[in-house]
C-alpha cells in the first residue's frame, strides 16, 4: 500500500490499535458471530483477519473493546440484546 493510501480491511466498527502497534482489533460481522458480531484481530504483517472473541453465552453482543498497556487484559461491554448504548443493558467484562 502506498503511503497515505486507504486499505479496506473489513466491515465493522470501533477499530482500535493494540498498544504494541502490532495489530488492530475491531467489532465485526466478518465471520457472523453468535449475535451477528464479534471481535476480530487484524495482523499488520500479513493482513490476516482472525476471530478473536465471541462470547458463548447470552451476552454475545460485544462492544467497546480496550486492551491494557501490557496487552494482558481485554475490557469490554456486552449485551444480551441489541447494540443501542442508551437503551441496552450492557455488562462489563475483563
PDB file of N, CA and C in Angstrom:
ATOM      1  N   UNK A   1       0.849  -1.178   0.000  1.00  0.00           N
ATOM      2  CA  UNK A   1       0.000   0.000   0.000  1.00  0.00           C
ATOM      3  C   UNK A   1       0.889   1.233   0.000  1.00  0.00           C
ATOM      4  N   UNK A   2       0.528   2.206  -0.806  1.00  0.00           N
ATOM      5  CA  UNK A   2       1.274   3.453  -0.844  1.00  0.00           C
ATOM      6  C   UNK A   2       1.074   4.232   0.443  1.00  0.00           C
ATOM      7  N   UNK A   3       2.083   5.012   0.796  1.00  0.00           N
ATOM      8  CA  UNK A   3       1.957   5.883   1.961  1.00  0.00           C
ATOM      9  C   UNK A   3       0.791   6.840   1.735  1.00  0.00           C
ATOM     10  N   UNK A   4      -0.061   6.947   2.746  1.00  0.00           N
ATOM     11  CA  UNK A   4      -1.225   7.824   2.639  1.00  0.00           C
ATOM     12  C   UNK A   4      -2.393   7.189   1.918  1.00  0.00           C
ATOM     13  N   UNK A   5      -2.240   5.940   1.480  1.00  0.00           N
ATOM     14  CA  UNK A   5      -3.320   5.244   0.791  1.00  0.00           C
ATOM     15  C   UNK A   5      -4.368   4.739   1.767  1.00  0.00           C
ATOM     16  N   UNK A   6      -5.436   4.228   1.215  1.00  0.00           N
ATOM     17  CA  UNK A   6      -6.517   3.677   2.027  1.00  0.00           C
ATOM     18  C   UNK A   6      -6.555   2.174   1.808  1.00  0.00           C
ATOM     19  N   UNK A   7      -6.622   1.433   2.897  1.00  0.00           N
ATOM     20  CA  UNK A   7      -6.680  -0.018   2.838  1.00  0.00           C
ATOM     21  C   UNK A   7      -8.003  -0.473   3.425  1.00  0.00           C
ATOM     22  N   UNK A   8      -8.847  -1.115   2.611  1.00  0.00           N
ATOM     23  CA  UNK A   8     -10.105  -1.654   3.108  1.00  0.00           C
ATOM     24  C   UNK A   8      -9.795  -2.968   3.814  1.00  0.00           C
ATOM     25  N   UNK A   9     -10.116  -3.055   5.094  1.00  0.00           N
ATOM     26  CA  UNK A   9      -9.811  -4.239   5.888  1.00  0.00           C
ATOM     27  C   UNK A   9     -11.032  -5.149   5.973  1.00  0.00           C
ATOM     28  N   UNK A  10     -12.152  -4.625   6.430  1.00  0.00           N
ATOM     29  CA  UNK A  10     -13.348  -5.446   6.634  1.00  0.00           C
ATOM     30  C   UNK A  10     -14.516  -4.547   6.996  1.00  0.00           C
ATOM     31  N   UNK A  11     -15.698  -5.152   7.110  1.00  0.00           N
ATOM     32  CA  UNK A  11     -16.843  -4.429   7.662  1.00  0.00           C
ATOM     33  C   UNK A  11     -16.690  -4.413   9.168  1.00  0.00           C
ATOM     34  N   UNK A  12     -17.075  -3.334   9.795  1.00  0.00           N
ATOM     35  CA  UNK A  12     -17.016  -3.309  11.248  1.00  0.00           C
ATOM     36  C   UNK A  12     -17.004  -1.902  11.796  1.00  0.00           C
ATOM     37  N   UNK A  13     -16.714  -1.812  13.088  1.00  0.00           N
ATOM     38  CA  UNK A  13     -16.643  -0.524  13.753  1.00  0.00           C
ATOM     39  C   UNK A  13     -15.702  -0.633  14.946  1.00  0.00           C
ATOM     40  N   UNK A  14     -15.461   0.472  15.580  1.00  0.00           N
ATOM     41  CA  UNK A  14     -14.660   0.553  16.801  1.00  0.00           C
ATOM     42  C   UNK A  14     -13.267  -0.045  16.633  1.00  0.00           C
ATOM     43  N   UNK A  15     -12.609   0.252  15.525  1.00  0.00           N
ATOM     44  CA  UNK A  15     -11.260  -0.256  15.311  1.00  0.00           C
ATOM     45  C   UNK A  15     -10.300   0.410  16.297  1.00  0.00           C
ATOM     46  N   UNK A  16      -9.420  -0.384  16.879  1.00  0.00           N
ATOM     47  CA  UNK A  16      -8.503   0.089  17.909  1.00  0.00           C
ATOM     48  C   UNK A  16      -7.140  -0.552  17.692  1.00  0.00           C
ATOM     49  N   UNK A  17      -6.088   0.235  17.818  1.00  0.00           N
ATOM     50  CA  UNK A  17      -4.732  -0.307  17.730  1.00  0.00           C
ATOM     51  C   UNK A  17      -4.351  -0.952  19.052  1.00  0.00           C
ATOM     52  N   UNK A  18      -3.659  -2.075  18.996  1.00  0.00           N
ATOM     53  CA  UNK A  18      -3.066  -2.672  20.184  1.00  0.00           C
ATOM     54  C   UNK A  18      -1.963  -1.730  20.667  1.00  0.00           C
ATOM     55  N   UNK A  19      -1.719  -1.658  21.971  1.00  0.00           N
ATOM     56  CA  UNK A  19      -0.669  -0.771  22.482  1.00  0.00           C
ATOM     57  C   UNK A  19       0.698  -0.996  21.820  1.00  0.00           C
ATOM     58  N   UNK A  20       1.009  -2.234  21.451  1.00  0.00           N
ATOM     59  CA  UNK A  20       2.293  -2.534  20.801  1.00  0.00           C
ATOM     60  C   UNK A  20       2.342  -2.027  19.369  1.00  0.00           C
ATOM     61  N   UNK A  21       1.178  -1.795  18.772  1.00  0.00           N
ATOM     62  CA  UNK A  21       1.120  -1.377  17.374  1.00  0.00           C
ATOM     63  C   UNK A  21       1.256  -2.534  16.402  1.00  0.00           C
ATOM     64  N   UNK A  22       1.299  -3.772  16.908  1.00  0.00           N
ATOM     65  CA  UNK A  22       1.476  -4.944  16.060  1.00  0.00           C
ATOM     66  C   UNK A  22       0.201  -5.403  15.372  1.00  0.00           C
ATOM     67  N   UNK A  23      -0.937  -5.065  15.936  1.00  0.00           N
ATOM     68  CA  UNK A  23      -2.201  -5.481  15.352  1.00  0.00           C
ATOM     69  C   UNK A  23      -3.285  -4.482  15.724  1.00  0.00           C
ATOM     70  N   UNK A  24      -4.388  -4.582  15.015  1.00  0.00           N
ATOM     71  CA  UNK A  24      -5.580  -3.788  15.317  1.00  0.00           C
ATOM     72  C   UNK A  24      -6.703  -4.774  15.601  1.00  0.00           C
ATOM     73  N   UNK A  25      -7.694  -4.342  16.353  1.00  0.00           N
ATOM     74  CA  UNK A  25      -8.848  -5.190  16.611  1.00  0.00           C
ATOM     75  C   UNK A  25     -10.092  -4.348  16.480  1.00  0.00           C
ATOM     76  N   UNK A  26     -11.206  -5.016  16.172  1.00  0.00           N
ATOM     77  CA  UNK A  26     -12.426  -4.277  15.876  1.00  0.00           C
ATOM     78  C   UNK A  26     -13.647  -5.149  16.081  1.00  0.00           C
ATOM     79  N   UNK A  27     -14.794  -4.500  16.191  1.00  0.00           N
ATOM     80  CA  UNK A  27     -16.082  -5.180  16.258  1.00  0.00           C
ATOM     81  C   UNK A  27     -16.501  -5.433  14.811  1.00  0.00           C
ATOM     82  N   UNK A  28     -16.874  -6.657  14.520  1.00  0.00           N
ATOM     83  CA  UNK A  28     -17.144  -7.003  13.134  1.00  0.00           C
ATOM     84  C   UNK A  28     -18.196  -8.093  13.006  1.00  0.00           C
ATOM     85  N   UNK A  29     -18.707  -8.209  11.803  1.00  0.00           N
ATOM     86  CA  UNK A  29     -19.575  -9.332  11.466  1.00  0.00           C
ATOM     87  C   UNK A  29     -18.936 -10.144  10.347  1.00  0.00           C
ATOM     88  N   UNK A  30     -17.598 -10.086  10.260  1.00  0.00           N
ATOM     89  CA  UNK A  30     -16.861 -10.786   9.211  1.00  0.00           C
ATOM     90  C   UNK A  30     -17.182 -12.279   9.196  1.00  0.00           C
ATOM     91  N   UNK A  31     -17.188 -12.912  10.370  1.00  0.00           N
ATOM     92  CA  UNK A  31     -17.430 -14.354  10.442  1.00  0.00           C
ATOM     93  C   UNK A  31     -18.788 -14.679  11.062  1.00  0.00           C
ATOM     94  N   UNK A  32     -19.668 -13.705  11.112  1.00  0.00           N
ATOM     95  CA  UNK A  32     -21.008 -13.900  11.659  1.00  0.00           C
ATOM     96  C   UNK A  32     -20.990 -14.510  13.049  1.00  0.00           C
ATOM     97  N   UNK A  33     -20.636 -13.708  14.014  1.00  0.00           N
ATOM     98  CA  UNK A  33     -20.607 -14.146  15.399  1.00  0.00           C
ATOM     99  C   UNK A  33     -21.981 -14.583  15.883  1.00  0.00           C
ATOM    100  N   UNK A  34     -22.018 -15.050  17.100  1.00  0.00           N
ATOM    101  CA  UNK A  34     -23.250 -15.609  17.659  1.00  0.00           C
ATOM    102  C   UNK A  34     -24.433 -14.655  17.526  1.00  0.00           C
ATOM    103  N   UNK A  35     -24.242 -13.379  17.870  1.00  0.00           N
ATOM    104  CA  UNK A  35     -25.318 -12.388  17.704  1.00  0.00           C
ATOM    105  C   UNK A  35     -24.945 -11.419  16.583  1.00  0.00           C
ATOM    106  N   UNK A  36     -24.398 -11.963  15.518  1.00  0.00           N
ATOM    107  CA  UNK A  36     -24.026 -11.229  14.301  1.00  0.00           C
ATOM    108  C   UNK A  36     -22.882 -10.248  14.504  1.00  0.00           C
ATOM    109  N   UNK A  37     -22.183 -10.325  15.617  1.00  0.00           N
ATOM    110  CA  UNK A  37     -20.960  -9.545  15.760  1.00  0.00           C
ATOM    111  C   UNK A  37     -20.010 -10.261  16.710  1.00  0.00           C
ATOM    112  N   UNK A  38     -18.761  -9.863  16.632  1.00  0.00           N
ATOM    113  CA  UNK A  38     -17.707 -10.439  17.454  1.00  0.00           C
ATOM    114  C   UNK A  38     -16.500  -9.515  17.356  1.00  0.00           C
ATOM    115  N   UNK A  39     -15.429  -9.828  18.064  1.00  0.00           N
ATOM    116  CA  UNK A  39     -14.175  -9.090  17.932  1.00  0.00           C
ATOM    117  C   UNK A  39     -13.284  -9.869  16.978  1.00  0.00           C
ATOM    118  N   UNK A  40     -12.706  -9.143  16.039  1.00  0.00           N
ATOM    119  CA  UNK A  40     -11.738  -9.713  15.127  1.00  0.00           C
ATOM    120  C   UNK A  40     -10.405  -9.008  15.302  1.00  0.00           C
ATOM    121  N   UNK A  41      -9.347  -9.697  14.914  1.00  0.00           N
ATOM    122  CA  UNK A  41      -7.988  -9.176  15.018  1.00  0.00           C
ATOM    123  C   UNK A  41      -7.404  -9.083  13.612  1.00  0.00           C
ATOM    124  N   UNK A  42      -6.778  -7.946  13.303  1.00  0.00           N
ATOM    125  CA  UNK A  42      -6.148  -7.715  12.006  1.00  0.00           C
ATOM    126  C   UNK A  42      -4.640  -7.697  12.203  1.00  0.00           C
ATOM    127  N   UNK A  43      -3.941  -8.645  11.583  1.00  0.00           N
ATOM    128  CA  UNK A  43      -2.489  -8.739  11.674  1.00  0.00           C
ATOM    129  C   UNK A  43      -1.862  -7.798  10.643  1.00  0.00           C
ATOM    130  N   UNK A  44      -1.062  -6.851  11.100  1.00  0.00           N
ATOM    131  CA  UNK A  44      -0.473  -5.870  10.199  1.00  0.00           C
ATOM    132  C   UNK A  44       0.575  -6.472   9.271  1.00  0.00           C
ATOM    133  N   UNK A  45       1.250  -7.527   9.693  1.00  0.00           N
ATOM    134  CA  UNK A  45       2.320  -8.112   8.884  1.00  0.00           C
ATOM    135  C   UNK A  45       1.813  -8.826   7.646  1.00  0.00           C
ATOM    136  N   UNK A  46       0.742  -9.622   7.792  1.00  0.00           N
ATOM    137  CA  UNK A  46       0.274 -10.381   6.637  1.00  0.00           C
ATOM    138  C   UNK A  46      -1.148 -10.040   6.188  1.00  0.00           C
ATOM    139  N   UNK A  47      -1.796  -9.115   6.894  1.00  0.00           N
ATOM    140  CA  UNK A  47      -3.150  -8.707   6.512  1.00  0.00           C
ATOM    141  C   UNK A  47      -4.232  -9.708   6.871  1.00  0.00           C
ATOM    142  N   UNK A  48      -3.872 -10.723   7.650  1.00  0.00           N
ATOM    143  CA  UNK A  48      -4.856 -11.749   8.014  1.00  0.00           C
ATOM    144  C   UNK A  48      -5.828 -11.232   9.071  1.00  0.00           C
ATOM    145  N   UNK A  49      -7.082 -11.607   8.918  1.00  0.00           N
ATOM    146  CA  UNK A  49      -8.116 -11.297   9.898  1.00  0.00           C
ATOM    147  C   UNK A  49      -8.496 -12.605  10.583  1.00  0.00           C
ATOM    148  N   UNK A  50      -8.483 -12.597  11.904  1.00  0.00           N
ATOM    149  CA  UNK A  50      -8.853 -13.808  12.642  1.00  0.00           C
ATOM    150  C   UNK A  50      -9.921 -13.491  13.676  1.00  0.00           C
ATOM    151  N   UNK A  51     -10.727 -14.505  13.986  1.00  0.00           N
ATOM    152  CA  UNK A  51     -11.701 -14.372  15.060  1.00  0.00           C
ATOM    153  C   UNK A  51     -10.925 -14.223  16.357  1.00  0.00           C
ATOM    154  N   UNK A  52     -11.335 -13.280  17.199  1.00  0.00           N
ATOM    155  CA  UNK A  52     -10.604 -13.044  18.432  1.00  0.00           C
ATOM    156  C   UNK A  52     -11.458 -13.366  19.653  1.00  0.00           C
ATOM    157  N   UNK A  53     -12.715 -12.911  19.670  1.00  0.00           N
ATOM    158  CA  UNK A  53     -13.586 -13.190  20.803  1.00  0.00           C
ATOM    159  C   UNK A  53     -15.040 -13.142  20.361  1.00  0.00           C
ATOM    160  N   UNK A  54     -15.777 -14.180  20.708  1.00  0.00           N
ATOM    161  CA  UNK A  54     -17.222 -14.233  20.509  1.00  0.00           C
ATOM    162  C   UNK A  54     -17.768 -15.008  21.699  1.00  0.00           C
ATOM    163  N   UNK A  55     -18.315 -14.297  22.670  1.00  0.00           N
ATOM    164  CA  UNK A  55     -18.765 -14.949  23.900  1.00  0.00           C
ATOM    165  C   UNK A  55     -19.797 -16.030  23.609  1.00  0.00           C
ATOM    166  N   UNK A  56     -19.711 -17.163  24.308  1.00  0.00           N
ATOM    167  CA  UNK A  56     -20.622 -18.268  24.042  1.00  0.00           C
ATOM    168  C   UNK A  56     -22.008 -18.135  24.674  1.00  0.00           C
ATOM    169  N   UNK A  57     -22.151 -17.329  25.717  1.00  0.00           N
ATOM    170  CA  UNK A  57     -23.421 -17.236  26.435  1.00  0.00           C
ATOM    171  C   UNK A  57     -24.365 -16.208  25.856  1.00  0.00           C
ATOM    172  N   UNK A  58     -25.343 -15.819  26.672  1.00  0.00           N
ATOM    173  CA  UNK A  58     -26.347 -14.865  26.208  1.00  0.00           C
ATOM    174  C   UNK A  58     -25.771 -13.474  25.967  1.00  0.00           C
ATOM    175  N   UNK A  59     -24.695 -13.111  26.671  1.00  0.00           N
ATOM    176  CA  UNK A  59     -24.065 -11.800  26.468  1.00  0.00           C
ATOM    177  C   UNK A  59     -23.040 -11.898  25.347  1.00  0.00           C
ATOM    178  N   UNK A  60     -23.535 -12.031  24.141  1.00  0.00           N
ATOM    179  CA  UNK A  60     -22.656 -12.204  22.992  1.00  0.00           C
ATOM    180  C   UNK A  60     -22.778 -11.052  21.998  1.00  0.00           C
ATOM    181  N   UNK A  61     -23.235  -9.910  22.475  1.00  0.00           N
ATOM    182  CA  UNK A  61     -23.275  -8.714  21.627  1.00  0.00           C
ATOM    183  C   UNK A  61     -22.167  -7.799  22.140  1.00  0.00           C
ATOM    184  N   UNK A  62     -20.915  -8.103  21.750  1.00  0.00           N
ATOM    185  CA  UNK A  62     -19.718  -7.476  22.304  1.00  0.00           C
ATOM    186  C   UNK A  62     -19.428  -6.116  21.647  1.00  0.00           C
ATOM    187  N   UNK A  63     -19.054  -5.159  22.496  1.00  0.00           N
ATOM    188  CA  UNK A  63     -18.702  -3.822  22.003  1.00  0.00           C
ATOM    189  C   UNK A  63     -17.676  -3.166  22.920  1.00  0.00           C
ATOM    190  N   UNK A  64     -17.121  -2.051  22.463  1.00  0.00           N
ATOM    191  CA  UNK A  64     -16.239  -1.160  23.224  1.00  0.00           C
ATOM    192  C   UNK A  64     -14.978  -1.856  23.747  1.00  0.00           C
ATOM    193  N   UNK A  65     -14.236  -2.608  22.907  1.00  0.00           N
ATOM    194  CA  UNK A  65     -13.047  -3.319  23.387  1.00  0.00           C
ATOM    195  C   UNK A  65     -11.860  -2.384  23.644  1.00  0.00           C
ATOM    196  N   UNK A  66     -11.122  -2.671  24.709  1.00  0.00           N
ATOM    197  CA  UNK A  66      -9.889  -1.947  25.037  1.00  0.00           C
ATOM    198  C   UNK A  66      -8.911  -2.917  25.673  1.00  0.00           C
ATOM    199  N   UNK A  67      -7.637  -2.814  25.282  1.00  0.00           N
ATOM    200  CA  UNK A  67      -6.565  -3.595  25.882  1.00  0.00           C
ATOM    201  C   UNK A  67      -5.775  -2.730  26.844  1.00  0.00           C
ATOM    202  N   UNK A  68      -5.260  -3.345  27.926  1.00  0.00           N
ATOM    203  CA  UNK A  68      -4.374  -2.599  28.812  1.00  0.00           C
ATOM    204  C   UNK A  68      -3.008  -2.467  28.127  1.00  0.00           C
ATOM    205  N   UNK A  69      -2.119  -1.651  28.687  1.00  0.00           N
ATOM    206  CA  UNK A  69      -0.841  -1.350  28.039  1.00  0.00           C
ATOM    207  C   UNK A  69       0.066  -2.569  27.907  1.00  0.00           C
ATOM    208  N   UNK A  70      -0.118  -3.590  28.753  1.00  0.00           N
ATOM    209  CA  UNK A  70       0.696  -4.802  28.637  1.00  0.00           C
ATOM    210  C   UNK A  70       0.078  -5.830  27.678  1.00  0.00           C
ATOM    211  N   UNK A  71      -1.120  -5.557  27.181  1.00  0.00           N
ATOM    212  CA  UNK A  71      -1.881  -6.443  26.306  1.00  0.00           C
ATOM    213  C   UNK A  71      -2.222  -7.769  26.987  1.00  0.00           C
ATOM    214  N   UNK A  72      -2.292  -7.740  28.320  1.00  0.00           N
ATOM    215  CA  UNK A  72      -2.644  -8.934  29.087  1.00  0.00           C
ATOM    216  C   UNK A  72      -4.139  -9.005  29.384  1.00  0.00           C
ATOM    217  N   UNK A  73      -4.808  -7.850  29.396  1.00  0.00           N
ATOM    218  CA  UNK A  73      -6.218  -7.802  29.769  1.00  0.00           C
ATOM    219  C   UNK A  73      -7.024  -7.056  28.717  1.00  0.00           C
ATOM    220  N   UNK A  74      -8.177  -7.618  28.405  1.00  0.00           N
ATOM    221  CA  UNK A  74      -9.137  -7.006  27.499  1.00  0.00           C
ATOM    222  C   UNK A  74     -10.361  -6.650  28.320  1.00  0.00           C
ATOM    223  N   UNK A  75     -10.786  -5.410  28.262  1.00  0.00           N
ATOM    224  CA  UNK A  75     -12.010  -4.993  28.924  1.00  0.00           C
ATOM    225  C   UNK A  75     -12.998  -4.589  27.825  1.00  0.00           C
ATOM    226  N   UNK A  76     -14.263  -4.973  28.013  1.00  0.00           N
ATOM    227  CA  UNK A  76     -15.272  -4.662  27.008  1.00  0.00           C
ATOM    228  C   UNK A  76     -16.655  -4.754  27.633  1.00  0.00           C
ATOM    229  N   UNK A  77     -17.638  -4.313  26.887  1.00  0.00           N
ATOM    230  CA  UNK A  77     -19.036  -4.422  27.298  1.00  0.00           C
ATOM    231  C   UNK A  77     -19.737  -5.393  26.367  1.00  0.00           C
ATOM    232  N   UNK A  78     -20.801  -5.990  26.879  1.00  0.00           N
ATOM    233  CA  UNK A  78     -21.614  -6.877  26.054  1.00  0.00           C
ATOM    234  C   UNK A  78     -23.046  -6.837  26.558  1.00  0.00           C
ATOM    235  N   UNK A  79     -23.973  -7.005  25.627  1.00  0.00           N
ATOM    236  CA  UNK A  79     -25.393  -7.053  25.999  1.00  0.00           C
ATOM    237  C   UNK A  79     -25.986  -8.357  25.497  1.00  0.00           C
ATOM    238  N   UNK A  80     -27.142  -8.683  26.007  1.00  0.00           N
ATOM    239  CA  UNK A  80     -27.834  -9.884  25.540  1.00  0.00           C
ATOM    240  C   UNK A  80     -28.832  -9.536  24.436  1.00  0.00           C
ATOM    241  N   UNK A  81     -28.898  -8.257  24.103  1.00  0.00           N
ATOM    242  CA  UNK A  81     -29.841  -7.826  23.070  1.00  0.00           C
ATOM    243  C   UNK A  81     -29.150  -7.047  21.969  1.00  0.00           C
ATOM    244  N   UNK A  82     -29.657  -5.881  21.670  1.00  0.00           N
ATOM    245  CA  UNK A  82     -29.137  -5.047  20.595  1.00  0.00           C
ATOM    246  C   UNK A  82     -27.894  -4.283  20.982  1.00  0.00           C
ATOM    247  N   UNK A  83     -27.602  -3.245  20.206  1.00  0.00           N
ATOM    248  CA  UNK A  83     -26.371  -2.500  20.448  1.00  0.00           C
ATOM    249  C   UNK A  83     -26.578  -1.004  20.679  1.00  0.00           C
ATOM    250  N   UNK A  84     -27.766  -0.579  21.001  1.00  0.00           N
ATOM    251  CA  UNK A  84     -28.019   0.826  21.279  1.00  0.00           C
ATOM    252  C   UNK A  84     -27.510   1.166  22.682  1.00  0.00           C
ATOM    253  N   UNK A  85     -26.408   1.921  22.798  1.00  0.00           N
ATOM    254  CA  UNK A  85     -25.799   2.184  24.111  1.00  0.00           C
ATOM    255  C   UNK A  85     -26.721   2.846  25.122  1.00  0.00           C
ATOM    256  N   UNK A  86     -27.685   3.633  24.669  1.00  0.00           N
ATOM    257  CA  UNK A  86     -28.528   4.355  25.615  1.00  0.00           C
ATOM    258  C   UNK A  86     -29.757   3.572  26.081  1.00  0.00           C
ATOM    259  N   UNK A  87     -30.031   2.394  25.478  1.00  0.00           N
ATOM    260  CA  UNK A  87     -31.213   1.640  25.915  1.00  0.00           C
ATOM    261  C   UNK A  87     -30.917   0.186  26.284  1.00  0.00           C
ATOM    262  N   UNK A  88     -29.783  -0.361  25.873  1.00  0.00           N
ATOM    263  CA  UNK A  88     -29.467  -1.757  26.185  1.00  0.00           C
ATOM    264  C   UNK A  88     -28.853  -1.868  27.569  1.00  0.00           C
ATOM    265  N   UNK A  89     -28.950  -3.048  28.143  1.00  0.00           N
ATOM    266  CA  UNK A  89     -28.372  -3.344  29.446  1.00  0.00           C
ATOM    267  C   UNK A  89     -27.004  -3.983  29.223  1.00  0.00           C
ATOM    268  N   UNK A  90     -25.951  -3.175  29.168  1.00  0.00           N
ATOM    269  CA  UNK A  90     -24.602  -3.673  28.960  1.00  0.00           C
ATOM    270  C   UNK A  90     -23.986  -4.121  30.278  1.00  0.00           C
ATOM    271  N   UNK A  91     -23.258  -5.228  30.213  1.00  0.00           N
ATOM    272  CA  UNK A  91     -22.456  -5.711  31.331  1.00  0.00           C
ATOM    273  C   UNK A  91     -20.992  -5.507  30.960  1.00  0.00           C
ATOM    274  N   UNK A  92     -20.144  -5.322  31.962  1.00  0.00           N
ATOM    275  CA  UNK A  92     -18.715  -5.142  31.735  1.00  0.00           C
ATOM    276  C   UNK A  92     -17.983  -6.457  31.953  1.00  0.00           C
ATOM    277  N   UNK A  93     -17.001  -6.732  31.114  1.00  0.00           N
ATOM    278  CA  UNK A  93     -16.208  -7.959  31.204  1.00  0.00           C
ATOM    279  C   UNK A  93     -14.728  -7.618  31.173  1.00  0.00           C
ATOM    280  N   UNK A  94     -13.929  -8.389  31.893  1.00  0.00           N
ATOM    281  CA  UNK A  94     -12.474  -8.225  31.893  1.00  0.00           C
ATOM    282  C   UNK A  94     -11.853  -9.579  31.621  1.00  0.00           C
TER     283      UNK A  94
END
